[in-house]
């Protein structure tokens, strides 16, 4: 029997990779640039997990993300605490701004 046209069994590729878009404003952008994308689990993760991934990208990442007065938004809503980040959501970090 000729098997050259037989379908091969499907390989388990696992779940699709999931990402969150991360934006940086103010001094924190001096460390990370304007934006990046981080891989997150398909069902999401805590904001602290996103921050840990970012800290692995650059040497001074932890210092920039623990800057006094740093603000965070997830899904264009200002947040406090360790909120849940879902795939496709935008996460933004804002250093304190001066002026009026």
C-alpha atoms as a PDB file:
ATOM      1  CA  UNK A   1       0.000   0.000   0.000  1.00  0.00           C
ATOM      2  CA  UNK A   2       1.392   3.412  -0.979  1.00  0.00           C
ATOM      3  CA  UNK A   3       1.554   5.673   2.118  1.00  0.00           C
ATOM      4  CA  UNK A   4       3.051   8.719   0.395  1.00  0.00           C
ATOM      5  CA  UNK A   5      -0.320  10.470   0.335  1.00  0.00           C
ATOM      6  CA  UNK A   6      -1.504   9.410   3.773  1.00  0.00           C
ATOM      7  CA  UNK A   7      -2.079  12.201   6.275  1.00  0.00           C
ATOM      8  CA  UNK A   8       0.421  12.270   9.093  1.00  0.00           C
ATOM      9  CA  UNK A   9      -0.873  12.473  12.649  1.00  0.00           C
ATOM     10  CA  UNK A  10      -1.307  16.041  13.911  1.00  0.00           C
ATOM     11  CA  UNK A  11       1.439  17.252  16.183  1.00  0.00           C
ATOM     12  CA  UNK A  12       0.417  18.842  19.427  1.00  0.00           C
ATOM     13  CA  UNK A  13       1.624  22.402  19.041  1.00  0.00           C
ATOM     14  CA  UNK A  14       0.237  23.541  22.376  1.00  0.00           C
ATOM     15  CA  UNK A  15      -1.739  26.706  22.961  1.00  0.00           C
ATOM     16  CA  UNK A  16      -1.205  29.779  20.843  1.00  0.00           C
ATOM     17  CA  UNK A  17       1.324  32.190  22.346  1.00  0.00           C
ATOM     18  CA  UNK A  18      -0.292  35.127  24.119  1.00  0.00           C
ATOM     19  CA  UNK A  19       1.090  38.620  24.476  1.00  0.00           C
ATOM     20  CA  UNK A  20       0.522  41.915  26.253  1.00  0.00           C
ATOM     21  CA  UNK A  21       1.622  45.196  24.692  1.00  0.00           C
ATOM     22  CA  UNK A  22       3.582  47.328  27.161  1.00  0.00           C
ATOM     23  CA  UNK A  23       4.055  51.096  26.805  1.00  0.00           C
ATOM     24  CA  UNK A  24       6.451  53.318  28.763  1.00  0.00           C
ATOM     25  CA  UNK A  25       6.171  57.065  29.424  1.00  0.00           C
ATOM     26  CA  UNK A  26       8.463  59.521  31.181  1.00  0.00           C
ATOM     27  CA  UNK A  27      11.762  58.429  32.728  1.00  0.00           C
ATOM     28  CA  UNK A  28      10.810  54.751  32.643  1.00  0.00           C
ATOM     29  CA  UNK A  29      10.982  54.954  28.828  1.00  0.00           C
ATOM     30  CA  UNK A  30      14.678  55.889  29.150  1.00  0.00           C
ATOM     31  CA  UNK A  31      15.225  52.375  30.499  1.00  0.00           C
ATOM     32  CA  UNK A  32      12.820  50.315  28.363  1.00  0.00           C
ATOM     33  CA  UNK A  33      12.196  52.409  25.252  1.00  0.00           C
ATOM     34  CA  UNK A  34       8.718  53.428  24.112  1.00  0.00           C
ATOM     35  CA  UNK A  35       7.128  49.968  23.950  1.00  0.00           C
ATOM     36  CA  UNK A  36       7.630  46.230  23.942  1.00  0.00           C
ATOM     37  CA  UNK A  37       5.567  43.081  23.857  1.00  0.00           C
ATOM     38  CA  UNK A  38       5.793  40.402  26.545  1.00  0.00           C
ATOM     39  CA  UNK A  39       4.686  36.813  26.354  1.00  0.00           C
ATOM     40  CA  UNK A  40       2.082  35.824  28.945  1.00  0.00           C
ATOM     41  CA  UNK A  41       0.091  32.623  29.571  1.00  0.00           C
ATOM     42  CA  UNK A  42      -3.033  32.193  27.391  1.00  0.00           C
ATOM     43  CA  UNK A  43      -5.274  32.629  30.446  1.00  0.00           C
ATOM     44  CA  UNK A  44      -3.399  35.736  31.622  1.00  0.00           C
ATOM     45  CA  UNK A  45      -1.180  36.475  34.610  1.00  0.00           C
ATOM     46  CA  UNK A  46      -0.614  38.929  37.437  1.00  0.00           C
ATOM     47  CA  UNK A  47       0.834  42.371  36.737  1.00  0.00           C
ATOM     48  CA  UNK A  48       3.790  41.418  38.932  1.00  0.00           C
ATOM     49  CA  UNK A  49       4.559  38.570  36.486  1.00  0.00           C
ATOM     50  CA  UNK A  50       4.603  41.053  33.584  1.00  0.00           C
ATOM     51  CA  UNK A  51       6.922  43.289  35.591  1.00  0.00           C
ATOM     52  CA  UNK A  52       9.238  40.362  36.371  1.00  0.00           C
ATOM     53  CA  UNK A  53       9.463  39.562  32.654  1.00  0.00           C
ATOM     54  CA  UNK A  54      10.298  43.192  31.919  1.00  0.00           C
ATOM     55  CA  UNK A  55      13.025  43.233  34.581  1.00  0.00           C
ATOM     56  CA  UNK A  56      14.745  40.367  32.760  1.00  0.00           C
ATOM     57  CA  UNK A  57      14.983  42.481  29.584  1.00  0.00           C
ATOM     58  CA  UNK A  58      17.305  45.211  30.869  1.00  0.00           C
ATOM     59  CA  UNK A  59      19.851  45.654  33.646  1.00  0.00           C
ATOM     60  CA  UNK A  60      18.133  48.573  35.412  1.00  0.00           C
ATOM     61  CA  UNK A  61      14.590  47.274  34.872  1.00  0.00           C
ATOM     62  CA  UNK A  62      13.826  46.603  38.521  1.00  0.00           C
ATOM     63  CA  UNK A  63      14.960  50.083  39.570  1.00  0.00           C
ATOM     64  CA  UNK A  64      12.844  51.725  36.864  1.00  0.00           C
ATOM     65  CA  UNK A  65       9.715  49.737  37.762  1.00  0.00           C
ATOM     66  CA  UNK A  66      10.019  50.451  41.486  1.00  0.00           C
ATOM     67  CA  UNK A  67      10.527  54.187  40.995  1.00  0.00           C
ATOM     68  CA  UNK A  68       8.639  56.231  43.563  1.00  0.00           C
ATOM     69  CA  UNK A  69       5.428  57.606  42.087  1.00  0.00           C
ATOM     70  CA  UNK A  70       5.319  55.217  39.117  1.00  0.00           C
ATOM     71  CA  UNK A  71       1.733  54.801  37.860  1.00  0.00           C
ATOM     72  CA  UNK A  72       0.335  51.834  35.973  1.00  0.00           C
ATOM     73  CA  UNK A  73      -2.603  51.380  33.609  1.00  0.00           C
ATOM     74  CA  UNK A  74      -4.013  48.107  32.317  1.00  0.00           C
ATOM     75  CA  UNK A  75      -6.500  48.226  29.485  1.00  0.00           C
ATOM     76  CA  UNK A  76      -6.288  52.047  29.587  1.00  0.00           C
ATOM     77  CA  UNK A  77      -7.547  52.129  33.185  1.00  0.00           C
ATOM     78  CA  UNK A  78      -5.314  53.308  36.016  1.00  0.00           C
ATOM     79  CA  UNK A  79      -4.753  50.447  38.454  1.00  0.00           C
ATOM     80  CA  UNK A  80      -3.243  49.839  41.863  1.00  0.00           C
ATOM     81  CA  UNK A  81      -2.032  46.509  43.158  1.00  0.00           C
ATOM     82  CA  UNK A  82      -1.344  43.211  41.465  1.00  0.00           C
ATOM     83  CA  UNK A  83      -4.204  43.113  38.942  1.00  0.00           C
ATOM     84  CA  UNK A  84      -4.821  40.390  36.358  1.00  0.00           C
ATOM     85  CA  UNK A  85      -3.501  41.028  32.829  1.00  0.00           C
ATOM     86  CA  UNK A  86      -5.224  39.235  29.957  1.00  0.00           C
ATOM     87  CA  UNK A  87      -3.714  38.515  26.532  1.00  0.00           C
ATOM     88  CA  UNK A  88      -4.065  41.448  24.172  1.00  0.00           C
ATOM     89  CA  UNK A  89      -4.378  44.008  26.946  1.00  0.00           C
ATOM     90  CA  UNK A  90      -2.236  47.095  26.950  1.00  0.00           C
ATOM     91  CA  UNK A  91      -0.107  47.746  30.030  1.00  0.00           C
ATOM     92  CA  UNK A  92       1.381  51.219  30.468  1.00  0.00           C
ATOM     93  CA  UNK A  93       3.868  52.577  32.997  1.00  0.00           C
ATOM     94  CA  UNK A  94       4.032  56.318  33.703  1.00  0.00           C
ATOM     95  CA  UNK A  95       6.899  57.956  35.560  1.00  0.00           C
ATOM     96  CA  UNK A  96       5.931  61.027  37.572  1.00  0.00           C
ATOM     97  CA  UNK A  97       5.688  64.132  35.424  1.00  0.00           C
ATOM     98  CA  UNK A  98       6.448  67.650  36.544  1.00  0.00           C
ATOM     99  CA  UNK A  99       5.037  70.875  35.251  1.00  0.00           C
ATOM    100  CA  UNK A 100       1.504  71.946  34.596  1.00  0.00           C
END
